[in-house]
């Protein structure tokens, strides 16, 4: 199976890191934006854009409010999927797998790297809750600023999620719509990868 060029390598996370580095040089905004899919308790899917913050040696990490709709759905199901598409590179990566919280020092470090305003905003927002108008949100912000100061620490309801893939698919645009697709699959986190070329 020929996986030369952009698909070369024996580690899918290294390939993903390489593609991300290339995208950061070409994409105008948010090269790390992913469409994250969850399901509710009836099995109905939800999808939204979030920012992928880390590609670890064996996982992908993003951060959010654990009490948000996506946070509650991820905790309830333990399953997740996402796609990241780079129009500038004409490439995408699809990922499916299980999810677990990424907390402690790792989450603290990322939270502390955010701007002070974003940190206060993360505390202020009751993410996904219905509000009457913007003034409610602004009042929550002022209250959070008063109670926590201008450079607050990470609250317990906010942190990371680590995505442990059992499937990673790399896609690249091809002439005459003969795209290249390689799918990496494994039975569970830590298992050996199997690689297949897929028809476009």
N, C-alpha and C. Protein backbone atom coordinates (compact mmCIF):
# COMPACT_ATOMS: atom_id res chain seq x y z
N UNK A 1 0.85 -1.19 0.00
CA UNK A 1 0.00 0.00 0.00
C UNK A 1 0.89 1.25 0.00
N UNK A 2 0.74 2.05 -1.03
CA UNK A 2 1.58 3.26 -1.15
C UNK A 2 1.01 4.39 -0.29
N UNK A 3 1.76 4.77 0.75
CA UNK A 3 1.37 5.90 1.59
C UNK A 3 2.51 6.92 1.63
N UNK A 4 3.07 7.19 0.48
CA UNK A 4 4.18 8.14 0.41
C UNK A 4 3.66 9.57 0.48
N UNK A 5 4.57 10.51 0.51
CA UNK A 5 4.18 11.92 0.50
C UNK A 5 3.45 12.32 1.76
N UNK A 6 2.32 12.99 1.59
CA UNK A 6 1.58 13.56 2.73
C UNK A 6 1.05 12.51 3.69
N UNK A 7 0.93 11.25 3.23
CA UNK A 7 0.40 10.18 4.08
C UNK A 7 1.49 9.34 4.73
N UNK A 8 2.75 9.66 4.49
CA UNK A 8 3.85 8.83 4.97
C UNK A 8 3.96 8.86 6.49
N UNK A 9 4.31 7.73 7.06
CA UNK A 9 4.52 7.64 8.50
C UNK A 9 3.81 6.46 9.10
N UNK A 10 4.29 6.02 10.24
CA UNK A 10 3.71 4.87 10.92
C UNK A 10 2.87 5.27 12.13
N UNK A 11 2.82 6.56 12.43
CA UNK A 11 2.08 7.04 13.60
C UNK A 11 1.04 8.07 13.13
N UNK A 12 -0.25 7.77 13.26
CA UNK A 12 -1.27 8.71 12.76
C UNK A 12 -1.27 10.05 13.49
N UNK A 13 -0.84 10.07 14.75
CA UNK A 13 -0.81 11.33 15.49
C UNK A 13 0.30 12.24 14.97
N UNK A 14 1.40 11.64 14.53
CA UNK A 14 2.48 12.44 13.94
C UNK A 14 2.05 13.00 12.59
N UNK A 15 1.31 12.21 11.82
CA UNK A 15 0.78 12.71 10.55
C UNK A 15 -0.18 13.87 10.82
N UNK A 16 -1.06 13.71 11.82
CA UNK A 16 -2.01 14.76 12.17
C UNK A 16 -1.29 16.04 12.61
N UNK A 17 -0.23 15.90 13.40
CA UNK A 17 0.54 17.06 13.83
C UNK A 17 1.18 17.76 12.64
N UNK A 18 1.71 16.98 11.71
CA UNK A 18 2.35 17.56 10.52
C UNK A 18 1.33 18.32 9.67
N UNK A 19 0.16 17.73 9.47
CA UNK A 19 -0.88 18.41 8.70
C UNK A 19 -1.34 19.68 9.41
N UNK A 20 -1.45 19.63 10.74
CA UNK A 20 -1.87 20.81 11.50
C UNK A 20 -0.83 21.93 11.35
N UNK A 21 0.45 21.58 11.44
CA UNK A 21 1.51 22.58 11.28
C UNK A 21 1.43 23.25 9.92
N UNK A 22 1.19 22.46 8.88
CA UNK A 22 1.06 23.03 7.53
C UNK A 22 -0.17 23.93 7.44
N UNK A 23 -1.27 23.50 8.04
CA UNK A 23 -2.50 24.29 7.98
C UNK A 23 -2.35 25.63 8.70
N UNK A 24 -1.60 25.64 9.80
CA UNK A 24 -1.43 26.88 10.56
C UNK A 24 -0.71 27.95 9.74
N UNK A 25 0.07 27.52 8.75
CA UNK A 25 0.78 28.47 7.89
C UNK A 25 -0.11 29.01 6.78
N UNK A 26 -1.22 28.32 6.48
CA UNK A 26 -2.03 28.67 5.31
C UNK A 26 -3.45 29.14 5.63
N UNK A 27 -4.05 28.57 6.68
CA UNK A 27 -5.43 28.93 7.01
C UNK A 27 -5.49 30.35 7.57
N UNK A 28 -6.49 31.12 7.16
CA UNK A 28 -6.61 32.50 7.62
C UNK A 28 -7.00 32.58 9.09
N UNK A 29 -7.90 31.70 9.51
CA UNK A 29 -8.40 31.74 10.89
C UNK A 29 -8.59 30.33 11.44
N UNK A 30 -8.20 30.14 12.68
CA UNK A 30 -8.52 28.94 13.45
C UNK A 30 -8.26 27.64 12.68
N UNK A 31 -7.01 27.40 12.36
CA UNK A 31 -6.65 26.14 11.69
C UNK A 31 -6.96 24.93 12.55
N UNK A 32 -7.16 25.16 13.85
CA UNK A 32 -7.45 24.06 14.78
C UNK A 32 -8.94 23.91 15.08
N UNK A 33 -9.81 24.52 14.27
CA UNK A 33 -11.26 24.40 14.49
C UNK A 33 -11.76 23.04 14.01
N UNK A 34 -12.46 22.33 14.89
CA UNK A 34 -13.01 21.02 14.55
C UNK A 34 -14.53 21.05 14.73
N UNK A 35 -15.22 20.27 13.91
CA UNK A 35 -16.66 20.07 14.08
C UNK A 35 -16.83 18.84 14.96
N UNK A 36 -17.27 19.08 16.19
CA UNK A 36 -17.36 18.02 17.21
C UNK A 36 -18.78 17.49 17.29
N UNK A 37 -18.93 16.18 17.19
CA UNK A 37 -20.25 15.55 17.21
C UNK A 37 -20.45 14.75 18.49
N UNK A 38 -21.63 14.93 19.10
CA UNK A 38 -22.06 14.16 20.26
C UNK A 38 -23.47 13.67 19.99
N UNK A 39 -24.02 12.86 20.92
CA UNK A 39 -25.42 12.45 20.81
C UNK A 39 -26.10 12.70 22.15
N UNK A 40 -27.40 13.03 22.08
CA UNK A 40 -28.15 13.22 23.32
C UNK A 40 -28.70 11.88 23.80
N UNK A 41 -29.51 11.90 24.85
CA UNK A 41 -29.98 10.64 25.44
C UNK A 41 -31.00 9.91 24.58
N UNK A 42 -31.46 10.53 23.49
CA UNK A 42 -32.35 9.84 22.55
C UNK A 42 -31.59 9.33 21.33
N UNK A 43 -30.29 9.63 21.26
CA UNK A 43 -29.50 9.23 20.11
C UNK A 43 -29.45 10.27 19.01
N UNK A 44 -30.10 11.43 19.23
CA UNK A 44 -30.10 12.49 18.22
C UNK A 44 -28.75 13.21 18.24
N UNK A 45 -28.08 13.35 17.10
CA UNK A 45 -26.76 13.97 17.09
C UNK A 45 -26.79 15.49 17.28
N UNK A 46 -25.70 15.99 17.82
CA UNK A 46 -25.42 17.42 17.91
C UNK A 46 -24.02 17.64 17.36
N UNK A 47 -23.82 18.75 16.68
CA UNK A 47 -22.48 19.07 16.19
C UNK A 47 -22.25 20.57 16.33
N UNK A 48 -21.00 20.93 16.68
CA UNK A 48 -20.64 22.35 16.83
C UNK A 48 -19.13 22.48 16.66
N UNK A 49 -18.70 23.71 16.41
CA UNK A 49 -17.28 23.97 16.24
C UNK A 49 -16.63 24.24 17.59
N UNK A 50 -15.49 23.60 17.83
CA UNK A 50 -14.66 23.88 19.00
C UNK A 50 -13.21 23.93 18.52
N UNK A 51 -12.32 24.36 19.40
CA UNK A 51 -10.91 24.46 19.03
C UNK A 51 -10.12 23.30 19.63
N UNK A 52 -9.46 22.56 18.76
CA UNK A 52 -8.58 21.48 19.20
C UNK A 52 -7.30 22.13 19.73
N UNK A 53 -6.96 21.85 20.98
CA UNK A 53 -5.84 22.54 21.60
C UNK A 53 -4.56 21.72 21.69
N UNK A 54 -4.67 20.41 21.68
CA UNK A 54 -3.46 19.59 21.77
C UNK A 54 -3.64 18.31 20.96
N UNK A 55 -2.57 17.90 20.30
CA UNK A 55 -2.48 16.56 19.73
C UNK A 55 -1.39 15.86 20.52
N UNK A 56 -1.82 14.95 21.39
CA UNK A 56 -0.88 14.24 22.24
C UNK A 56 -0.30 13.04 21.50
N UNK A 57 0.51 12.26 22.18
CA UNK A 57 1.11 11.08 21.54
C UNK A 57 0.07 10.04 21.17
N UNK A 58 -1.10 10.06 21.86
CA UNK A 58 -2.08 9.02 21.62
C UNK A 58 -3.52 9.52 21.73
N UNK A 59 -3.70 10.85 21.66
CA UNK A 59 -5.04 11.40 21.86
C UNK A 59 -5.12 12.83 21.35
N UNK A 60 -6.36 13.35 21.26
CA UNK A 60 -6.64 14.72 20.89
C UNK A 60 -7.35 15.39 22.08
N UNK A 61 -7.03 16.67 22.36
CA UNK A 61 -7.58 17.33 23.54
C UNK A 61 -8.20 18.68 23.18
N UNK A 62 -9.40 18.92 23.73
CA UNK A 62 -10.02 20.25 23.64
C UNK A 62 -10.59 20.58 25.02
N UNK A 63 -11.01 21.83 25.21
CA UNK A 63 -11.47 22.30 26.52
C UNK A 63 -12.85 22.93 26.41
N UNK A 64 -13.62 22.80 27.50
CA UNK A 64 -14.97 23.34 27.49
C UNK A 64 -15.54 23.37 28.90
N UNK A 65 -16.77 23.83 29.01
CA UNK A 65 -17.53 23.80 30.25
C UNK A 65 -18.16 22.42 30.37
N UNK A 66 -17.86 21.70 31.44
CA UNK A 66 -18.39 20.35 31.62
C UNK A 66 -19.91 20.35 31.76
N UNK A 67 -20.49 21.49 32.17
CA UNK A 67 -21.94 21.57 32.37
C UNK A 67 -22.68 22.03 31.11
N UNK A 68 -21.94 22.28 30.03
CA UNK A 68 -22.58 22.64 28.76
C UNK A 68 -23.29 21.43 28.18
N UNK A 69 -24.07 21.65 27.14
CA UNK A 69 -24.78 20.54 26.49
C UNK A 69 -23.79 19.50 25.98
N UNK A 70 -22.73 19.95 25.31
CA UNK A 70 -21.76 18.99 24.79
C UNK A 70 -21.03 18.27 25.92
N UNK A 71 -20.72 19.01 27.00
CA UNK A 71 -20.05 18.39 28.12
C UNK A 71 -20.89 17.30 28.75
N UNK A 72 -22.17 17.58 28.96
CA UNK A 72 -23.07 16.60 29.56
C UNK A 72 -23.27 15.39 28.65
N UNK A 73 -23.36 15.64 27.34
CA UNK A 73 -23.54 14.53 26.40
C UNK A 73 -22.28 13.67 26.33
N UNK A 74 -21.12 14.28 26.36
CA UNK A 74 -19.88 13.51 26.32
C UNK A 74 -19.71 12.66 27.57
N UNK A 75 -20.03 13.23 28.72
CA UNK A 75 -19.91 12.49 29.98
C UNK A 75 -20.90 11.33 30.00
N UNK A 76 -22.12 11.55 29.49
CA UNK A 76 -23.15 10.51 29.51
C UNK A 76 -22.84 9.36 28.56
N UNK A 77 -22.39 9.67 27.35
CA UNK A 77 -22.19 8.62 26.34
C UNK A 77 -20.78 8.04 26.34
N UNK A 78 -19.79 8.89 26.65
CA UNK A 78 -18.40 8.46 26.59
C UNK A 78 -17.88 8.30 25.18
N UNK A 79 -18.68 8.73 24.19
CA UNK A 79 -18.31 8.56 22.78
C UNK A 79 -18.31 9.92 22.08
N UNK A 80 -17.47 10.04 21.03
CA UNK A 80 -17.35 11.32 20.33
C UNK A 80 -16.82 11.10 18.92
N UNK A 81 -17.06 12.07 18.07
CA UNK A 81 -16.48 12.09 16.73
C UNK A 81 -16.20 13.53 16.36
N UNK A 82 -15.21 13.73 15.50
CA UNK A 82 -14.98 15.08 14.98
C UNK A 82 -14.37 15.00 13.59
N UNK A 83 -14.52 16.10 12.87
CA UNK A 83 -13.85 16.26 11.58
C UNK A 83 -13.18 17.63 11.57
N UNK A 84 -11.99 17.67 11.01
CA UNK A 84 -11.29 18.93 10.80
C UNK A 84 -10.99 19.03 9.31
N UNK A 85 -11.40 20.15 8.72
CA UNK A 85 -11.26 20.33 7.27
C UNK A 85 -10.46 21.59 7.00
N UNK A 86 -9.43 21.45 6.16
CA UNK A 86 -8.61 22.59 5.77
C UNK A 86 -8.80 22.85 4.28
N UNK A 87 -9.56 23.89 3.97
CA UNK A 87 -9.82 24.22 2.57
C UNK A 87 -8.53 24.59 1.85
N UNK A 88 -7.62 25.27 2.57
CA UNK A 88 -6.37 25.70 1.95
C UNK A 88 -5.50 24.52 1.54
N UNK A 89 -5.52 23.44 2.33
CA UNK A 89 -4.72 22.25 2.02
C UNK A 89 -5.49 21.23 1.19
N UNK A 90 -6.82 21.42 1.12
CA UNK A 90 -7.70 20.43 0.49
C UNK A 90 -7.51 19.06 1.15
N UNK A 91 -7.56 19.10 2.49
CA UNK A 91 -7.41 17.87 3.28
C UNK A 91 -8.37 17.91 4.45
N UNK A 92 -8.65 16.73 5.00
CA UNK A 92 -9.42 16.65 6.23
C UNK A 92 -9.03 15.41 7.00
N UNK A 93 -9.34 15.44 8.30
CA UNK A 93 -9.13 14.29 9.18
C UNK A 93 -10.43 14.04 9.92
N UNK A 94 -10.87 12.78 9.91
CA UNK A 94 -12.05 12.36 10.66
C UNK A 94 -11.61 11.45 11.79
N UNK A 95 -12.21 11.64 12.97
CA UNK A 95 -11.82 10.88 14.15
C UNK A 95 -13.07 10.38 14.87
N UNK A 96 -13.04 9.12 15.33
CA UNK A 96 -14.10 8.57 16.19
C UNK A 96 -13.45 7.82 17.33
N UNK A 97 -14.07 7.91 18.52
CA UNK A 97 -13.51 7.16 19.64
C UNK A 97 -14.20 7.47 20.95
N UNK A 98 -13.51 7.11 22.02
CA UNK A 98 -14.04 7.35 23.37
C UNK A 98 -13.46 8.66 23.90
N UNK A 99 -14.05 9.13 25.00
CA UNK A 99 -13.63 10.41 25.56
C UNK A 99 -13.55 10.31 27.07
N UNK A 100 -12.60 11.04 27.65
CA UNK A 100 -12.44 11.11 29.09
C UNK A 100 -12.03 12.53 29.47
N UNK A 101 -12.26 12.89 30.72
CA UNK A 101 -11.87 14.23 31.16
C UNK A 101 -10.35 14.36 31.23
N UNK A 102 -9.86 15.55 30.86
CA UNK A 102 -8.45 15.91 31.03
C UNK A 102 -8.43 17.06 32.03
N UNK A 103 -8.09 16.76 33.26
CA UNK A 103 -8.19 17.75 34.32
C UNK A 103 -6.82 18.03 34.96
N UNK A 104 -6.83 18.46 36.19
CA UNK A 104 -5.59 18.65 36.95
C UNK A 104 -4.68 19.71 36.36
N UNK A 105 -3.37 19.47 36.47
CA UNK A 105 -2.37 20.45 36.07
C UNK A 105 -2.45 20.79 34.58
N UNK A 106 -2.79 19.80 33.77
CA UNK A 106 -2.89 20.04 32.32
C UNK A 106 -3.98 21.07 32.02
N UNK A 107 -5.14 20.89 32.61
CA UNK A 107 -6.24 21.82 32.39
C UNK A 107 -5.95 23.17 33.04
N UNK A 108 -5.33 23.15 34.22
CA UNK A 108 -4.97 24.40 34.90
C UNK A 108 -4.02 25.22 34.03
N UNK A 109 -3.04 24.54 33.46
CA UNK A 109 -2.03 25.23 32.64
C UNK A 109 -2.66 25.87 31.41
N UNK A 110 -3.57 25.14 30.75
CA UNK A 110 -4.21 25.74 29.59
C UNK A 110 -5.11 26.90 29.99
N UNK A 111 -5.89 26.73 31.06
CA UNK A 111 -6.78 27.81 31.49
C UNK A 111 -5.97 29.07 31.80
N UNK A 112 -4.83 28.90 32.47
CA UNK A 112 -3.99 30.04 32.83
C UNK A 112 -3.36 30.72 31.61
N UNK A 113 -3.29 30.00 30.48
CA UNK A 113 -2.71 30.58 29.26
C UNK A 113 -3.71 31.46 28.52
N UNK A 114 -4.98 31.36 28.86
CA UNK A 114 -6.01 32.16 28.21
C UNK A 114 -5.95 33.60 28.69
N UNK A 115 -6.51 34.51 27.91
CA UNK A 115 -6.52 35.92 28.32
C UNK A 115 -7.35 36.06 29.59
N UNK A 116 -7.05 37.04 30.44
CA UNK A 116 -7.84 37.23 31.65
C UNK A 116 -9.34 37.38 31.37
N UNK A 117 -9.68 38.10 30.31
CA UNK A 117 -11.09 38.29 29.98
C UNK A 117 -11.76 36.96 29.63
N UNK A 118 -11.05 36.10 28.90
CA UNK A 118 -11.61 34.80 28.53
C UNK A 118 -11.78 33.91 29.75
N UNK A 119 -10.88 34.04 30.71
CA UNK A 119 -10.98 33.25 31.93
C UNK A 119 -12.21 33.68 32.74
N UNK A 120 -12.41 34.99 32.87
CA UNK A 120 -13.59 35.48 33.58
C UNK A 120 -14.85 35.07 32.82
N UNK A 121 -14.81 35.19 31.49
CA UNK A 121 -15.96 34.82 30.68
C UNK A 121 -16.32 33.35 30.82
N UNK A 122 -15.31 32.47 30.94
CA UNK A 122 -15.56 31.04 31.11
C UNK A 122 -16.29 30.77 32.42
N UNK A 123 -15.94 31.53 33.45
CA UNK A 123 -16.60 31.38 34.76
C UNK A 123 -18.02 31.96 34.71
N UNK A 124 -18.17 33.08 34.01
CA UNK A 124 -19.45 33.77 33.98
C UNK A 124 -20.53 33.03 33.19
N UNK A 125 -20.15 32.40 32.10
CA UNK A 125 -21.14 31.80 31.21
C UNK A 125 -21.73 30.52 31.77
N UNK A 126 -23.06 30.47 31.85
CA UNK A 126 -23.76 29.22 32.14
C UNK A 126 -24.05 28.59 30.78
N UNK A 127 -23.04 28.01 30.18
CA UNK A 127 -23.08 27.61 28.78
C UNK A 127 -24.28 26.73 28.46
N UNK A 128 -24.95 27.07 27.39
CA UNK A 128 -26.11 26.37 26.83
C UNK A 128 -27.42 26.67 27.54
N UNK A 129 -27.40 27.46 28.62
CA UNK A 129 -28.64 27.82 29.30
C UNK A 129 -29.36 28.95 28.55
N UNK A 130 -30.68 28.93 28.61
CA UNK A 130 -31.48 29.97 27.98
C UNK A 130 -31.39 31.25 28.81
N UNK A 131 -31.16 32.40 28.13
CA UNK A 131 -31.14 33.69 28.82
C UNK A 131 -32.08 34.65 28.10
N UNK A 132 -32.57 35.65 28.85
CA UNK A 132 -33.55 36.59 28.30
C UNK A 132 -32.93 37.50 27.26
N UNK A 133 -31.76 38.08 27.58
CA UNK A 133 -31.07 38.96 26.64
C UNK A 133 -29.60 39.07 27.05
N UNK A 134 -28.84 39.86 26.30
CA UNK A 134 -27.40 39.96 26.52
C UNK A 134 -27.05 40.57 27.88
N UNK A 135 -27.95 41.39 28.42
CA UNK A 135 -27.66 42.03 29.70
C UNK A 135 -27.48 41.01 30.82
N UNK A 136 -28.17 39.87 30.71
CA UNK A 136 -28.01 38.81 31.70
C UNK A 136 -26.57 38.31 31.68
N UNK A 137 -26.05 38.07 30.49
CA UNK A 137 -24.68 37.59 30.33
C UNK A 137 -23.68 38.62 30.85
N UNK A 138 -23.92 39.88 30.53
CA UNK A 138 -23.03 40.94 30.99
C UNK A 138 -23.04 41.07 32.51
N UNK A 139 -24.20 40.90 33.12
CA UNK A 139 -24.30 40.94 34.58
C UNK A 139 -23.55 39.76 35.22
N UNK A 140 -23.67 38.58 34.60
CA UNK A 140 -22.94 37.42 35.10
C UNK A 140 -21.43 37.67 35.02
N UNK A 141 -21.00 38.32 33.94
CA UNK A 141 -19.57 38.62 33.79
C UNK A 141 -19.09 39.55 34.91
N UNK A 142 -19.84 40.59 35.15
CA UNK A 142 -19.46 41.54 36.21
C UNK A 142 -19.45 40.86 37.58
N UNK A 143 -20.40 39.99 37.81
CA UNK A 143 -20.45 39.26 39.07
C UNK A 143 -19.24 38.33 39.21
N UNK A 144 -18.89 37.62 38.11
CA UNK A 144 -17.74 36.71 38.14
C UNK A 144 -16.45 37.50 38.36
N UNK A 145 -16.34 38.67 37.75
CA UNK A 145 -15.16 39.52 37.92
C UNK A 145 -15.03 39.97 39.37
N UNK A 146 -16.15 40.36 39.96
CA UNK A 146 -16.15 40.82 41.35
C UNK A 146 -15.78 39.70 42.31
N UNK A 147 -16.32 38.52 42.07
CA UNK A 147 -16.12 37.40 43.00
C UNK A 147 -14.79 36.68 42.83
N UNK A 148 -14.22 36.72 41.61
CA UNK A 148 -13.03 35.91 41.32
C UNK A 148 -11.80 36.72 40.97
N UNK A 149 -11.94 38.03 40.78
CA UNK A 149 -10.81 38.86 40.39
C UNK A 149 -10.56 38.81 38.89
N UNK A 150 -9.58 39.59 38.46
CA UNK A 150 -9.32 39.75 37.02
C UNK A 150 -8.54 38.58 36.41
N UNK A 151 -7.87 37.79 37.24
CA UNK A 151 -7.10 36.64 36.73
C UNK A 151 -7.46 35.39 37.54
N UNK A 152 -8.66 34.88 37.36
CA UNK A 152 -9.13 33.75 38.16
C UNK A 152 -8.47 32.43 37.79
N UNK A 153 -8.52 31.50 38.73
CA UNK A 153 -8.06 30.14 38.50
C UNK A 153 -9.17 29.33 37.85
N UNK A 154 -8.83 28.18 37.29
CA UNK A 154 -9.80 27.33 36.61
C UNK A 154 -10.86 26.83 37.60
N UNK A 155 -12.14 27.00 37.25
CA UNK A 155 -13.21 26.47 38.10
C UNK A 155 -13.36 24.97 37.88
N UNK A 156 -13.97 24.29 38.82
CA UNK A 156 -14.09 22.82 38.75
C UNK A 156 -14.99 22.36 37.61
N UNK A 157 -15.91 23.24 37.16
CA UNK A 157 -16.84 22.83 36.09
C UNK A 157 -16.27 23.04 34.70
N UNK A 158 -15.02 23.43 34.61
CA UNK A 158 -14.41 23.73 33.31
C UNK A 158 -13.11 22.93 33.18
N UNK A 159 -12.90 22.33 32.01
CA UNK A 159 -11.67 21.57 31.83
C UNK A 159 -11.58 20.94 30.45
N UNK A 160 -10.72 19.95 30.34
CA UNK A 160 -10.48 19.35 29.04
C UNK A 160 -11.21 18.03 28.86
N UNK A 161 -11.29 17.63 27.60
CA UNK A 161 -11.71 16.29 27.22
C UNK A 161 -10.61 15.70 26.34
N UNK A 162 -10.24 14.48 26.65
CA UNK A 162 -9.24 13.76 25.85
C UNK A 162 -9.96 12.74 24.99
N UNK A 163 -9.78 12.86 23.68
CA UNK A 163 -10.40 11.94 22.73
C UNK A 163 -9.40 10.83 22.41
N UNK A 164 -9.80 9.61 22.72
CA UNK A 164 -8.96 8.42 22.45
C UNK A 164 -9.52 7.70 21.23
N UNK A 165 -8.92 7.89 20.07
CA UNK A 165 -9.52 7.38 18.83
C UNK A 165 -9.41 5.87 18.68
N UNK A 166 -10.44 5.30 18.08
CA UNK A 166 -10.36 3.94 17.56
C UNK A 166 -10.37 3.98 16.03
N UNK A 167 -10.61 5.17 15.48
CA UNK A 167 -10.60 5.34 14.03
C UNK A 167 -10.13 6.75 13.68
N UNK A 168 -9.18 6.83 12.77
CA UNK A 168 -8.69 8.11 12.24
C UNK A 168 -8.61 7.97 10.72
N UNK A 169 -9.29 8.85 10.02
CA UNK A 169 -9.24 8.80 8.55
C UNK A 169 -8.62 10.08 8.00
N UNK A 170 -7.62 9.92 7.16
CA UNK A 170 -6.96 11.03 6.48
C UNK A 170 -7.46 11.08 5.04
N UNK A 171 -7.91 12.27 4.62
CA UNK A 171 -8.46 12.47 3.28
C UNK A 171 -7.73 13.61 2.61
N UNK A 172 -7.39 13.42 1.33
CA UNK A 172 -6.77 14.49 0.54
C UNK A 172 -7.41 14.53 -0.84
N UNK A 173 -7.66 15.75 -1.31
CA UNK A 173 -8.31 15.97 -2.59
C UNK A 173 -7.47 15.39 -3.74
N UNK A 174 -8.15 14.79 -4.71
CA UNK A 174 -7.46 14.23 -5.87
C UNK A 174 -8.10 14.69 -7.16
N UNK A 175 -7.35 14.63 -8.24
CA UNK A 175 -7.88 15.03 -9.54
C UNK A 175 -9.02 14.11 -9.96
N UNK A 176 -9.97 14.67 -10.71
CA UNK A 176 -11.14 13.93 -11.20
C UNK A 176 -11.94 13.33 -10.05
N UNK A 177 -11.84 13.96 -8.88
CA UNK A 177 -12.52 13.50 -7.67
C UNK A 177 -12.08 12.10 -7.24
N UNK A 178 -10.89 11.70 -7.66
CA UNK A 178 -10.30 10.44 -7.21
C UNK A 178 -9.46 10.75 -5.97
N UNK A 179 -10.14 11.02 -4.88
CA UNK A 179 -9.49 11.45 -3.65
C UNK A 179 -8.72 10.28 -3.01
N UNK A 180 -7.74 10.62 -2.20
CA UNK A 180 -7.00 9.62 -1.44
C UNK A 180 -7.54 9.57 -0.02
N UNK A 181 -7.86 8.36 0.45
CA UNK A 181 -8.38 8.16 1.81
C UNK A 181 -7.67 6.97 2.45
N UNK A 182 -7.12 7.22 3.63
CA UNK A 182 -6.50 6.14 4.40
C UNK A 182 -7.13 6.13 5.80
N UNK A 183 -7.63 4.96 6.19
CA UNK A 183 -8.30 4.83 7.49
C UNK A 183 -7.46 3.95 8.42
N UNK A 184 -7.15 4.51 9.58
CA UNK A 184 -6.45 3.79 10.64
C UNK A 184 -7.49 3.35 11.66
N UNK A 185 -7.53 2.06 12.00
CA UNK A 185 -8.48 1.57 12.99
C UNK A 185 -7.76 0.69 14.01
N UNK A 186 -8.32 0.65 15.22
CA UNK A 186 -7.81 -0.23 16.27
C UNK A 186 -8.98 -0.62 17.17
N UNK A 187 -8.85 -1.74 17.84
CA UNK A 187 -9.94 -2.25 18.66
C UNK A 187 -10.19 -1.37 19.87
N UNK A 188 -9.13 -0.83 20.46
CA UNK A 188 -9.25 0.03 21.64
C UNK A 188 -7.97 0.83 21.81
N UNK A 189 -8.01 1.78 22.72
CA UNK A 189 -6.84 2.61 22.98
C UNK A 189 -5.67 1.72 23.40
N UNK A 190 -4.54 1.89 22.73
CA UNK A 190 -3.35 1.09 23.04
C UNK A 190 -3.15 -0.10 22.13
N UNK A 191 -4.19 -0.49 21.37
CA UNK A 191 -4.05 -1.61 20.44
C UNK A 191 -3.26 -1.20 19.21
N UNK A 192 -2.83 -2.20 18.45
CA UNK A 192 -2.13 -1.94 17.20
C UNK A 192 -3.09 -1.39 16.15
N UNK A 193 -2.57 -0.50 15.31
CA UNK A 193 -3.37 0.08 14.25
C UNK A 193 -3.41 -0.83 13.03
N UNK A 194 -4.55 -0.86 12.37
CA UNK A 194 -4.70 -1.48 11.05
C UNK A 194 -4.98 -0.35 10.07
N UNK A 195 -4.39 -0.41 8.88
CA UNK A 195 -4.52 0.69 7.91
C UNK A 195 -5.14 0.16 6.62
N UNK A 196 -6.15 0.86 6.13
CA UNK A 196 -6.80 0.51 4.87
C UNK A 196 -6.88 1.74 3.98
N UNK A 197 -6.71 1.51 2.68
CA UNK A 197 -7.02 2.55 1.69
C UNK A 197 -8.48 2.40 1.31
N UNK A 198 -9.21 3.53 1.31
CA UNK A 198 -10.63 3.52 0.98
C UNK A 198 -10.88 4.16 -0.38
N UNK A 199 -11.86 3.66 -1.08
CA UNK A 199 -12.30 4.29 -2.31
C UNK A 199 -12.95 5.62 -2.00
N UNK A 200 -12.74 6.63 -2.83
CA UNK A 200 -13.39 7.92 -2.58
C UNK A 200 -14.89 7.86 -2.80
